[in-house]
Amino acid sequence: MVAALLLASCTSGSPGSGESSLSGSGGSSPSTAPSTTPAGSDSPRLTVRPVAGGLEHPWDLAFLPSGQMLVTERSGRLSLLSSTRPGAQRTPVAADLDSLNARGEGGLMGLVLMPDFATSRHFLTCETHREVDIRLVVRKLSPDGRSADRVRDLLTGLPVAGSGRHSGCRMDYGTDGMLYVGTGDTADAAVPQDRSSLGGKVLRIDPRTGRAPADNPYASSSNAGERLVWTYGHRNVQGVAVRGSRVYVAEHGPDKNDEINLLRKGANYGWDPSKGGSQDDYDESVSMTDTDRFPDAVAAVWSSGDMTEAICAATFLTGKQWKNWDGALVTTALKGSKLLVLHLDSSGTRVISTQAPKPVNEAYGRLRAARQGPDGALYVTTSNGSDDRVLRISAG
């Protein structure tokens, strides 16, 4: 199917199949839902093809040196895809996940390869551990890719809600070699502003040791949790994207104001449902960035305004094949069932235009993971709960 890529407002797409070709289009105010605009000649022409199906809420992706793809599924399954090309074969990866509590928004979540994967075969997952905590677990993929042994816990003690709500847990490496981990506040009013808690934060940790780097903002704190904190005052961080020395996160708002935030060392992002500790109830009527209570709270680079898209994973597109999307930030949306392409100004502190490829949204439903592969294509996953897919989006 060939169609012009139009800008779409929040729509609930339904799962679809097959191949579609699209072309890019216009822009809108960064704080509102995009409006329909004719296709632009400088935008890329895209081809969208399913790589593999039969998945259940695929949460994250990792590209192996062999050309294979490892996929976490929130329900507690690991899958290995034979390649990143359409028609890839899916192999279940046996792993000891008996302690996993896949409930609500929790389960088997974020995934990255360890820096020495080529020699160690180690990878890192973010897992809800019963109803005790959320933890980062190092596993070793067997040479044949059919099993993954548990090696050790890199980090334990991330808070968890019994319902699984606001479990967060997306990870990515900065160019400094450190691991940035976005977490959720577990719908606990006190957590986001409590720097001793690992919830409602972005953590910065050494992936070799699980400890705080010496240049973390609170590295000298007597509290072990606070030493790991890079930023705080977050609600539910679902995406981490790195561009040079800058790290951006995608964050769920309550019934409005999803946010893209540019991280600043030690900064407060202003989410405080406890209203300064004056109440125990989780009051979601407060501002996502409460500058009245916290004058130094950092404003979002982009906000969804008076609606929520439930933005999820985020990644930057790079390469000439993306034409005027080269350098753009893309984020998936669950509730919005769409892919958003966000164009930043030269300072990287403001989104100046927003695009959404309508045919992708309408054809495939809820979208969750987003990673650019080593071949330059964008890989996203659906999250509809039945016969979910990995999609390959290539540009030409």
Protein backbone atom coordinates (compact mmCIF):
# COMPACT_ATOMS: atom_id res chain seq x y z
CA MET A 1 0.00 0.00 0.00
CA VAL A 2 1.40 3.39 -0.98
CA ALA A 3 0.07 6.43 0.85
CA ALA A 4 1.06 9.93 1.81
CA LEU A 5 2.31 10.16 5.37
CA LEU A 6 -0.15 12.46 7.11
CA LEU A 7 -0.12 13.89 10.57
CA ALA A 8 -2.58 12.25 12.90
CA SER A 9 -4.23 13.10 16.16
CA CYS A 10 -4.75 10.45 18.84
CA THR A 11 -6.48 7.47 17.22
CA SER A 12 -6.82 3.88 18.29
CA GLY A 13 -5.44 1.83 15.42
CA SER A 14 -6.20 -1.85 15.04
CA PRO A 15 -3.66 -4.61 14.36
CA GLY A 16 -2.87 -5.08 10.71
CA SER A 17 -0.51 -7.01 8.46
CA GLY A 18 1.41 -6.77 5.22
CA GLU A 19 3.67 -4.12 3.75
CA SER A 20 3.01 -0.41 3.32
CA SER A 21 5.00 2.41 1.74
CA LEU A 22 4.55 5.99 2.98
CA SER A 23 6.06 9.42 2.52
CA GLY A 24 6.69 12.12 5.15
CA SER A 25 4.72 15.26 5.98
CA GLY A 26 4.35 18.58 7.81
CA GLY A 27 4.56 19.85 11.39
CA SER A 28 2.75 21.48 14.30
CA SER A 29 3.13 23.26 17.59
CA PRO A 30 5.31 21.16 19.95
CA SER A 31 2.77 21.29 22.77
CA THR A 32 -0.32 20.16 20.88
CA ALA A 33 -1.51 17.17 18.88
CA PRO A 34 -0.26 17.44 15.28
CA SER A 35 -2.53 18.63 12.48
CA THR A 36 -2.91 17.17 9.01
CA THR A 37 -0.44 18.65 6.50
CA PRO A 38 0.49 17.64 2.91
CA ALA A 39 3.54 15.47 2.33
CA GLY A 40 6.90 17.25 2.17
CA SER A 41 9.45 16.50 -0.56
CA ASP A 42 12.34 16.43 1.91
CA SER A 43 10.76 13.79 4.14
CA PRO A 44 11.70 10.13 3.69
CA ARG A 45 9.63 7.53 1.90
CA LEU A 46 9.16 4.64 4.29
CA THR A 47 8.57 0.94 3.88
CA VAL A 48 7.02 -0.90 6.84
CA ARG A 49 7.27 -4.67 6.99
CA PRO A 50 6.69 -7.16 9.83
CA VAL A 51 9.86 -9.03 10.84
CA ALA A 52 8.14 -11.62 13.04
CA GLY A 53 4.88 -12.18 14.91
CA GLY A 54 3.50 -14.48 17.56
CA LEU A 55 4.79 -12.29 20.40
CA GLU A 56 3.02 -11.12 23.56
CA HIS A 57 3.64 -7.51 24.57
CA PRO A 58 7.25 -7.37 23.26
CA TRP A 59 8.84 -4.77 25.52
CA ASP A 60 12.37 -4.21 24.25
CA LEU A 61 14.87 -5.23 21.58
CA ALA A 62 18.61 -5.82 21.35
CA PHE A 63 20.66 -6.42 18.20
CA LEU A 64 23.28 -9.18 18.46
CA PRO A 65 26.63 -9.09 16.63
CA SER A 66 25.48 -12.21 14.74
CA GLY A 67 22.63 -10.26 13.10
CA GLN A 68 20.03 -11.88 15.35
CA MET A 69 17.61 -9.94 17.57
CA LEU A 70 16.78 -10.63 21.22
CA VAL A 71 13.31 -9.64 22.43
CA THR A 72 11.84 -9.38 25.94
CA GLU A 73 8.12 -10.03 26.33
CA ARG A 74 6.42 -8.54 29.38
CA SER A 75 4.60 -11.79 30.19
CA GLY A 76 7.92 -13.46 30.97
CA ARG A 77 9.22 -14.79 27.67
CA LEU A 78 12.52 -14.23 25.90
CA SER A 79 12.59 -14.74 22.14
CA LEU A 80 15.48 -14.85 19.69
CA LEU A 81 14.77 -13.79 16.11
CA SER A 82 16.99 -15.33 13.45
CA SER A 83 17.56 -11.97 11.74
CA THR A 84 16.24 -8.43 11.49
CA ARG A 85 14.70 -9.11 8.09
CA PRO A 86 11.05 -9.92 7.32
CA GLY A 87 10.27 -13.61 7.73
CA ALA A 88 12.69 -14.10 10.64
CA GLN A 89 12.23 -17.27 12.64
CA ARG A 90 11.42 -16.97 16.34
CA THR A 91 13.12 -19.30 18.83
CA PRO A 92 12.01 -19.37 22.49
CA VAL A 93 14.89 -18.75 24.90
CA ALA A 94 14.60 -20.87 28.03
CA ALA A 95 15.33 -18.87 31.19
CA ASP A 96 14.67 -19.18 34.91
CA LEU A 97 11.92 -16.61 35.34
CA ASP A 98 9.98 -18.36 38.10
CA SER A 99 10.35 -15.34 40.39
CA LEU A 100 8.98 -12.94 37.78
CA ASN A 101 5.69 -11.23 38.64
CA ALA A 102 4.13 -10.26 35.31
CA ARG A 103 1.23 -8.16 36.49
CA GLY A 104 -0.20 -4.89 35.22
CA GLU A 105 2.64 -2.80 33.81
CA GLY A 106 5.32 -5.00 35.39
CA GLY A 107 7.10 -8.11 34.19
CA LEU A 108 10.05 -8.66 31.85
CA MET A 109 10.82 -5.17 30.59
CA GLY A 110 13.93 -3.24 29.51
CA LEU A 111 16.81 -4.94 27.72
CA VAL A 112 20.39 -3.99 26.78
CA LEU A 113 23.44 -6.03 25.91
CA MET A 114 26.29 -5.77 28.36
CA PRO A 115 29.29 -3.86 26.94
CA ASP A 116 31.34 -7.07 26.68
CA PHE A 117 28.55 -9.16 25.12
CA ALA A 118 30.73 -10.19 22.15
CA THR A 119 32.95 -12.21 24.48
CA SER A 120 30.79 -12.80 27.57
CA ARG A 121 27.33 -13.30 25.96
CA HIS A 122 25.94 -11.29 28.91
CA PHE A 123 22.84 -9.14 28.62
CA LEU A 124 20.82 -7.13 31.13
CA THR A 125 17.08 -7.22 31.75
CA CYS A 126 14.76 -5.23 33.97
CA GLU A 127 12.45 -7.59 35.89
CA THR A 128 9.62 -7.36 38.40
CA HIS A 129 10.73 -9.75 41.13
CA ARG A 130 7.59 -11.20 42.72
CA GLU A 131 6.13 -8.33 44.79
CA VAL A 132 9.47 -7.55 46.45
CA ASP A 133 11.19 -5.18 44.03
CA ILE A 134 12.17 -4.48 40.45
CA ARG A 135 15.73 -5.45 39.67
CA LEU A 136 18.34 -5.41 36.93
CA VAL A 137 19.46 -8.95 36.17
CA VAL A 138 22.52 -10.08 34.22
CA ARG A 139 21.93 -13.20 32.10
CA LYS A 140 24.15 -15.21 29.75
CA LEU A 141 22.86 -16.29 26.36
CA SER A 142 23.98 -19.79 25.36
CA PRO A 143 26.03 -20.21 22.15
CA ASP A 144 23.01 -21.69 20.35
CA GLY A 145 20.70 -18.95 21.66
CA ARG A 146 18.21 -21.42 23.12
CA SER A 147 18.77 -20.66 26.81
CA ALA A 148 19.86 -17.82 29.10
CA ASP A 149 21.33 -18.55 32.52
CA ARG A 150 20.97 -16.10 35.38
CA VAL A 151 24.42 -14.76 36.29
CA ARG A 152 23.79 -12.14 39.00
CA ASP A 153 21.68 -9.21 40.08
CA LEU A 154 23.32 -5.96 39.02
CA LEU A 155 20.90 -3.82 41.03
CA THR A 156 18.02 -4.62 43.37
CA GLY A 157 15.62 -2.50 45.38
CA LEU A 158 13.71 -0.56 42.76
CA PRO A 159 10.25 -0.14 44.31
CA VAL A 160 7.29 -2.09 42.97
CA ALA A 161 3.52 -1.78 43.25
CA GLY A 162 1.50 -4.93 43.88
CA SER A 163 -0.64 -4.02 40.87
CA GLY A 164 2.44 -3.45 38.72
CA ARG A 165 1.45 0.16 38.12
CA HIS A 166 4.14 2.63 37.02
CA SER A 167 6.93 0.07 36.79
CA GLY A 168 8.93 2.14 34.30
CA CYS A 169 12.25 0.49 33.53
CA ARG A 170 13.81 1.41 30.21
CA MET A 171 17.62 1.43 29.94
CA ASP A 172 20.27 2.76 27.59
CA TYR A 173 23.97 3.62 27.62
CA GLY A 174 25.27 7.14 27.50
CA THR A 175 28.31 8.06 25.44
CA ASP A 176 30.09 8.19 28.80
CA GLY A 177 29.67 4.40 29.05
CA MET A 178 27.32 4.68 32.01
CA LEU A 179 23.89 3.06 32.12
CA TYR A 180 20.85 5.36 32.42
CA VAL A 181 17.76 3.66 33.87
CA GLY A 182 14.32 5.30 33.82
CA THR A 183 12.02 4.15 36.63
CA GLY A 184 8.38 4.57 37.62
CA ASP A 185 7.03 6.01 40.87
CA THR A 186 4.81 2.94 41.54
CA ALA A 187 1.89 5.34 42.11
CA ASP A 188 3.27 6.13 45.56
CA ALA A 189 2.84 9.82 46.36
CA ALA A 190 6.06 10.22 48.34
CA VAL A 191 8.40 8.40 45.95
CA PRO A 192 9.18 10.93 43.14
CA GLN A 193 10.62 13.61 45.46
CA ASP A 194 12.32 11.17 47.84
CA ARG A 195 15.91 10.88 46.64
CA SER A 196 16.50 7.84 48.85
CA SER A 197 13.97 5.90 46.75
CA LEU A 198 14.93 4.51 43.34
CA GLY A 199 11.39 5.07 41.97
CA GLY A 200 10.35 8.08 39.88
CA LYS A 201 13.98 8.69 38.92
CA VAL A 202 16.56 8.35 36.23
CA LEU A 203 19.44 6.39 37.69
CA ARG A 204 23.02 6.50 36.42
CA ILE A 205 25.05 3.44 37.24
CA ASP A 206 28.30 1.75 36.28
CA PRO A 207 27.22 -1.30 34.24
CA ARG A 208 30.23 -3.30 35.40
CA THR A 209 29.59 -2.92 39.12
CA GLY A 210 26.03 -1.63 39.57
CA ARG A 211 27.47 1.19 41.70
CA ALA A 212 27.25 4.96 41.41
CA PRO A 213 29.94 6.68 39.33
CA ALA A 214 32.03 9.15 41.31
CA ASP A 215 30.64 12.10 39.33
CA ASN A 216 26.97 11.41 40.09
CA PRO A 217 25.33 14.46 41.71
CA TYR A 218 24.77 12.73 45.07
CA ALA A 219 27.73 10.34 44.96
CA SER A 220 28.87 11.42 48.44
CA SER A 221 25.47 10.78 50.07
CA SER A 222 25.33 8.42 53.04
CA ASN A 223 22.27 6.81 51.41
CA ALA A 224 23.12 4.09 48.86
CA GLY A 225 20.00 4.75 46.81
CA GLU A 226 20.54 8.49 46.56
CA ARG A 227 24.06 7.93 45.25
CA LEU A 228 22.58 6.33 42.13
CA VAL A 229 20.15 9.17 41.35
CA TRP A 230 20.87 11.31 38.29
CA THR A 231 17.50 13.14 38.17
CA TYR A 232 14.28 12.95 40.21
CA GLY A 233 10.69 14.15 40.30
CA HIS A 234 9.55 11.82 37.49
CA ARG A 235 6.22 10.01 37.14
CA ASN A 236 6.81 7.00 34.91
CA VAL A 237 9.81 7.02 32.58
CA GLN A 238 9.25 4.64 29.67
CA GLY A 239 11.92 5.72 27.19
CA VAL A 240 15.60 6.73 27.19
CA ALA A 241 17.28 8.23 24.11
CA VAL A 242 20.89 9.39 23.78
CA ARG A 243 22.30 11.96 21.35
CA GLY A 244 25.93 12.81 21.98
CA SER A 245 26.30 13.94 25.59
CA ARG A 246 22.55 14.61 25.90
CA VAL A 247 20.13 12.12 27.40
CA TYR A 248 16.38 12.48 26.86
CA VAL A 249 13.56 10.54 28.48
CA ALA A 250 9.94 9.90 27.50
CA GLU A 251 7.51 10.05 30.40
CA HIS A 252 3.84 9.26 30.92
CA GLY A 253 1.58 12.05 32.15
CA PRO A 254 -1.68 11.39 34.06
CA ASP A 255 -4.60 12.43 31.80
CA LYS A 256 -2.51 15.03 29.93
CA ASN A 257 1.04 16.30 29.50
CA ASP A 258 3.14 13.33 28.49
CA GLU A 259 6.66 14.73 28.42
CA ILE A 260 9.98 14.51 26.66
CA ASN A 261 12.62 15.73 29.09
CA LEU A 262 16.28 16.62 28.55
CA LEU A 263 18.20 15.46 31.60
CA ARG A 264 20.33 17.81 33.67
CA LYS A 265 22.60 16.46 36.36
CA GLY A 266 20.89 16.46 39.77
CA ALA A 267 17.76 18.23 38.49
CA ASN A 268 14.18 17.98 39.77
CA TYR A 269 11.48 17.49 37.10
CA GLY A 270 8.68 18.62 39.39
CA TRP A 271 6.23 15.69 39.75
CA ASP A 272 4.90 15.63 43.33
CA PRO A 273 1.53 13.94 43.91
CA SER A 274 2.12 14.25 47.68
CA LYS A 275 1.85 18.06 47.41
CA GLY A 276 4.99 18.71 49.37
CA GLY A 277 4.37 15.79 51.72
CA SER A 278 1.08 17.25 52.91
CA GLN A 279 -0.92 14.16 51.92
CA ASP A 280 -0.46 10.42 51.48
CA ASP A 281 -2.97 10.03 48.65
CA TYR A 282 -1.62 9.92 45.10
CA ASP A 283 -3.05 13.19 43.81
CA GLU A 284 -2.79 13.17 40.01
CA SER A 285 -4.36 16.60 39.62
CA VAL A 286 -0.99 18.26 40.28
CA SER A 287 1.16 19.63 37.48
CA MET A 288 3.64 17.29 35.80
CA THR A 289 6.21 20.06 36.30
CA ASP A 290 5.24 21.97 39.43
CA THR A 291 7.24 25.18 39.22
CA ASP A 292 5.08 26.81 41.92
CA ARG A 293 6.28 24.35 44.52
CA PHE A 294 9.68 23.78 42.91
CA PRO A 295 10.82 26.99 41.15
CA ASP A 296 13.91 25.23 39.79
CA ALA A 297 11.97 22.32 38.28
CA VAL A 298 13.06 21.69 34.69
CA ALA A 299 10.46 22.33 32.01
CA ALA A 300 9.77 19.66 29.41
CA VAL A 301 11.29 19.85 25.94
CA TRP A 302 7.90 18.69 24.60
CA SER A 303 4.49 18.05 26.13
CA SER A 304 1.40 16.40 24.66
CA GLY A 305 -0.77 19.20 26.09
CA ASP A 306 -4.40 18.56 27.05
CA MET A 307 -4.26 14.88 26.13
CA THR A 308 -2.10 11.86 26.71
CA GLU A 309 -0.54 9.59 24.11
CA ALA A 310 1.13 7.26 26.69
CA ILE A 311 4.48 7.73 24.97
CA CYS A 312 6.86 4.87 25.48
CA ALA A 313 10.26 4.08 23.96
CA ALA A 314 12.37 6.80 22.36
CA THR A 315 15.35 6.78 20.03
CA PHE A 316 17.15 9.11 17.62
CA LEU A 317 17.19 8.52 13.88
CA THR A 318 20.56 8.91 12.18
CA GLY A 319 21.66 8.55 8.58
CA LYS A 320 21.16 10.31 5.25
CA GLN A 321 18.44 7.84 4.29
CA TRP A 322 16.15 9.64 6.77
CA LYS A 323 16.48 12.93 4.83
CA ASN A 324 15.04 15.73 7.01
CA TRP A 325 14.32 13.20 9.75
CA ASP A 326 18.05 12.67 10.26
CA GLY A 327 18.63 13.67 13.89
CA ALA A 328 14.93 13.57 14.82
CA LEU A 329 13.72 11.96 18.01
CA VAL A 330 11.05 9.29 17.56
CA THR A 331 8.83 7.94 20.30
CA THR A 332 6.16 5.26 20.28
CA ALA A 333 2.71 5.68 21.83
CA LEU A 334 0.53 3.09 23.51
CA LYS A 335 -2.76 4.90 24.03
CA GLY A 336 -2.19 7.06 20.96
CA SER A 337 -1.31 4.00 18.85
CA LYS A 338 1.17 5.99 16.83
CA LEU A 339 4.76 6.86 16.11
CA LEU A 340 5.74 10.48 16.78
CA VAL A 341 8.66 12.13 14.99
CA LEU A 342 9.91 15.14 16.97
CA HIS A 343 12.23 17.73 15.44
CA LEU A 344 14.42 19.60 17.92
CA ASP A 345 15.91 23.05 17.57
CA SER A 346 19.67 23.48 17.29
CA SER A 347 20.07 23.76 21.06
CA GLY A 348 18.21 20.49 21.64
CA THR A 349 16.03 22.14 24.26
CA ARG A 350 12.78 22.59 22.33
CA VAL A 351 10.72 20.57 19.87
CA ILE A 352 9.90 22.83 16.92
CA SER A 353 7.69 20.46 14.91
CA THR A 354 5.98 17.11 15.32
CA GLN A 355 4.99 14.51 12.75
CA ALA A 356 3.07 11.24 12.99
CA PRO A 357 2.98 8.62 10.20
CA LYS A 358 -0.73 7.91 10.07
CA PRO A 359 -0.64 4.66 8.03
CA VAL A 360 1.71 3.09 10.60
CA ASN A 361 -0.62 4.05 13.42
CA GLU A 362 -3.81 2.88 11.81
CA ALA A 363 -2.38 -0.41 10.61
CA TYR A 364 -0.62 -1.76 13.71
CA GLY A 365 -2.28 -0.45 16.88
CA ARG A 366 -0.39 0.18 20.11
CA LEU A 367 3.37 0.66 19.68
CA ARG A 368 5.95 0.10 22.42
CA ALA A 369 9.66 -0.57 21.70
CA ALA A 370 11.75 1.59 19.34
CA ARG A 371 15.39 1.00 18.46
CA GLN A 372 17.39 1.96 15.39
CA GLY A 373 19.21 -1.12 14.15
CA PRO A 374 22.80 -1.41 12.92
CA ASP A 375 21.41 -1.49 9.36
CA GLY A 376 19.95 2.00 9.82
CA ALA A 377 16.31 0.86 9.88
CA LEU A 378 13.93 1.65 12.74
CA TYR A 379 12.49 -1.33 14.61
CA VAL A 380 9.32 -0.96 16.66
CA THR A 381 7.03 -3.45 18.36
CA THR A 382 3.29 -3.63 18.71
CA SER A 383 1.71 -4.10 22.14
CA ASN A 384 -1.83 -5.31 21.52
CA GLY A 385 -1.51 -8.51 23.59
CA SER A 386 -2.21 -11.00 20.80
CA ASP A 387 0.09 -11.95 17.91
CA ASP A 388 2.24 -8.89 18.50
CA ARG A 389 4.95 -8.07 16.01
CA VAL A 390 8.35 -6.58 15.46
CA LEU A 391 8.13 -4.09 12.59
CA ARG A 392 11.00 -2.92 10.39
CA ILE A 393 10.65 0.66 9.11
CA SER A 394 13.18 1.50 6.42
CA ALA A 395 13.68 4.79 4.61
CA GLY A 396 14.61 5.58 1.06
